[in-house]
């Protein structure tokens, strides 16, 4: 699934979320690892569709409490439409 983030941090900020429940990246294994490949391919397609591919974008996955994960379900943020700074925060 793909939908807009309710608290966008960039002009383009969507979430890419697998339908099957996977708590975090720490739960990726040989049985479900293909989902990450699929998500990255979707992110590439979305970047093109949302007109951020040419100038650049960021893909973020937060993992664990100290990593900033607030939702107990694997998801990736696709952000673009502005210059990204480093460190991210």
C-alpha atoms as a PDB file:
ATOM      1  CA  UNK A   1       0.000   0.000   0.000  1.00  0.00           C
ATOM      2  CA  UNK A   2       1.086   3.560  -0.598  1.00  0.00           C
ATOM      3  CA  UNK A   3      -0.398   6.646   1.021  1.00  0.00           C
ATOM      4  CA  UNK A   4       0.564  10.192   2.004  1.00  0.00           C
ATOM      5  CA  UNK A   5       2.158  10.679   5.416  1.00  0.00           C
ATOM      6  CA  UNK A   6      -0.176  12.499   7.836  1.00  0.00           C
ATOM      7  CA  UNK A   7       2.780  14.583   9.093  1.00  0.00           C
ATOM      8  CA  UNK A   8       4.775  15.291   5.919  1.00  0.00           C
ATOM      9  CA  UNK A   9       8.425  16.279   6.316  1.00  0.00           C
ATOM     10  CA  UNK A  10       8.882  17.229   2.654  1.00  0.00           C
ATOM     11  CA  UNK A  11       6.685  18.393  -0.243  1.00  0.00           C
ATOM     12  CA  UNK A  12       6.526  14.736  -1.303  1.00  0.00           C
ATOM     13  CA  UNK A  13       6.233  12.304   1.609  1.00  0.00           C
ATOM     14  CA  UNK A  14       4.523   8.975   1.097  1.00  0.00           C
ATOM     15  CA  UNK A  15       4.626   5.715   3.006  1.00  0.00           C
ATOM     16  CA  UNK A  16       5.159   2.354   1.331  1.00  0.00           C
ATOM     17  CA  UNK A  17       3.669  -0.375   3.511  1.00  0.00           C
ATOM     18  CA  UNK A  18       3.447  -4.111   2.861  1.00  0.00           C
ATOM     19  CA  UNK A  19      -0.001  -5.626   3.408  1.00  0.00           C
ATOM     20  CA  UNK A  20       1.451  -8.603   5.291  1.00  0.00           C
ATOM     21  CA  UNK A  21       2.356  -7.784   8.874  1.00  0.00           C
ATOM     22  CA  UNK A  22       6.096  -7.613   9.496  1.00  0.00           C
ATOM     23  CA  UNK A  23       6.960  -5.774  12.747  1.00  0.00           C
ATOM     24  CA  UNK A  24      10.287  -4.293  11.576  1.00  0.00           C
ATOM     25  CA  UNK A  25      13.288  -4.794   9.314  1.00  0.00           C
ATOM     26  CA  UNK A  26      14.644  -7.057  12.070  1.00  0.00           C
ATOM     27  CA  UNK A  27      11.946  -9.564  11.118  1.00  0.00           C
ATOM     28  CA  UNK A  28      13.034  -9.870   7.481  1.00  0.00           C
ATOM     29  CA  UNK A  29      14.238 -13.378   6.687  1.00  0.00           C
ATOM     30  CA  UNK A  30      14.581 -15.797   3.774  1.00  0.00           C
ATOM     31  CA  UNK A  31      10.824 -16.380   3.750  1.00  0.00           C
ATOM     32  CA  UNK A  32       9.739 -12.731   3.418  1.00  0.00           C
ATOM     33  CA  UNK A  33      12.863 -10.944   2.157  1.00  0.00           C
ATOM     34  CA  UNK A  34      11.516 -10.465  -1.369  1.00  0.00           C
ATOM     35  CA  UNK A  35       9.157  -7.817   0.025  1.00  0.00           C
ATOM     36  CA  UNK A  36      12.080  -5.400   0.504  1.00  0.00           C
ATOM     37  CA  UNK A  37      13.096  -5.788  -3.138  1.00  0.00           C
ATOM     38  CA  UNK A  38       9.502  -5.180  -4.178  1.00  0.00           C
ATOM     39  CA  UNK A  39       9.230  -2.085  -1.960  1.00  0.00           C
ATOM     40  CA  UNK A  40      12.409  -0.599  -3.444  1.00  0.00           C
ATOM     41  CA  UNK A  41      11.129  -1.193  -6.970  1.00  0.00           C
ATOM     42  CA  UNK A  42       7.859   0.520  -6.022  1.00  0.00           C
ATOM     43  CA  UNK A  43       9.841   3.430  -4.520  1.00  0.00           C
ATOM     44  CA  UNK A  44      11.713   3.849  -7.805  1.00  0.00           C
ATOM     45  CA  UNK A  45       8.460   3.860  -9.788  1.00  0.00           C
ATOM     46  CA  UNK A  46       6.863   6.329  -7.381  1.00  0.00           C
ATOM     47  CA  UNK A  47       9.864   8.660  -7.542  1.00  0.00           C
ATOM     48  CA  UNK A  48       9.426   8.827 -11.301  1.00  0.00           C
ATOM     49  CA  UNK A  49       5.638   9.236 -11.087  1.00  0.00           C
ATOM     50  CA  UNK A  50       5.924  11.965  -8.418  1.00  0.00           C
ATOM     51  CA  UNK A  51       8.599  13.844 -10.407  1.00  0.00           C
ATOM     52  CA  UNK A  52      11.348  13.567  -7.790  1.00  0.00           C
ATOM     53  CA  UNK A  53      13.551  10.978  -9.493  1.00  0.00           C
ATOM     54  CA  UNK A  54      15.661  13.410 -11.491  1.00  0.00           C
ATOM     55  CA  UNK A  55      16.590  15.797  -8.658  1.00  0.00           C
ATOM     56  CA  UNK A  56      16.821  13.131  -5.946  1.00  0.00           C
ATOM     57  CA  UNK A  57      14.913  11.692  -3.040  1.00  0.00           C
ATOM     58  CA  UNK A  58      15.340   9.846   0.230  1.00  0.00           C
ATOM     59  CA  UNK A  59      14.038   6.450   1.364  1.00  0.00           C
ATOM     60  CA  UNK A  60      13.850   5.987   5.142  1.00  0.00           C
ATOM     61  CA  UNK A  61      13.126   2.987   7.348  1.00  0.00           C
ATOM     62  CA  UNK A  62      13.076   3.511  11.108  1.00  0.00           C
ATOM     63  CA  UNK A  63      13.844   0.431  13.189  1.00  0.00           C
ATOM     64  CA  UNK A  64      13.349   0.151  16.938  1.00  0.00           C
ATOM     65  CA  UNK A  65      12.685   2.764  19.590  1.00  0.00           C
ATOM     66  CA  UNK A  66      16.031   4.545  19.308  1.00  0.00           C
ATOM     67  CA  UNK A  67      15.783   4.370  15.526  1.00  0.00           C
ATOM     68  CA  UNK A  68      12.571   6.374  15.650  1.00  0.00           C
ATOM     69  CA  UNK A  69      10.122   3.570  14.852  1.00  0.00           C
ATOM     70  CA  UNK A  70       6.701   4.558  16.222  1.00  0.00           C
ATOM     71  CA  UNK A  71       4.527   2.103  14.284  1.00  0.00           C
ATOM     72  CA  UNK A  72       5.035  -1.627  14.850  1.00  0.00           C
ATOM     73  CA  UNK A  73       4.721  -2.497  11.150  1.00  0.00           C
ATOM     74  CA  UNK A  74       7.432  -2.405   8.486  1.00  0.00           C
ATOM     75  CA  UNK A  75       7.162   0.683   6.294  1.00  0.00           C
ATOM     76  CA  UNK A  76       9.372   2.949   4.243  1.00  0.00           C
ATOM     77  CA  UNK A  77       9.146   6.715   3.830  1.00  0.00           C
ATOM     78  CA  UNK A  78       9.749   8.186   0.369  1.00  0.00           C
ATOM     79  CA  UNK A  79      10.617  11.874   0.656  1.00  0.00           C
ATOM     80  CA  UNK A  80      11.481  14.440  -1.980  1.00  0.00           C
ATOM     81  CA  UNK A  81      10.746  17.811  -3.461  1.00  0.00           C
ATOM     82  CA  UNK A  82      13.328  19.686  -1.392  1.00  0.00           C
ATOM     83  CA  UNK A  83      17.025  19.545  -0.574  1.00  0.00           C
ATOM     84  CA  UNK A  84      17.595  16.909   2.115  1.00  0.00           C
ATOM     85  CA  UNK A  85      20.017  17.800   4.895  1.00  0.00           C
ATOM     86  CA  UNK A  86      22.440  15.594   6.801  1.00  0.00           C
ATOM     87  CA  UNK A  87      22.396  14.402   9.482  1.00  0.00           C
ATOM     88  CA  UNK A  88      18.644  13.848   9.226  1.00  0.00           C
ATOM     89  CA  UNK A  89      17.914  14.382  12.920  1.00  0.00           C
END
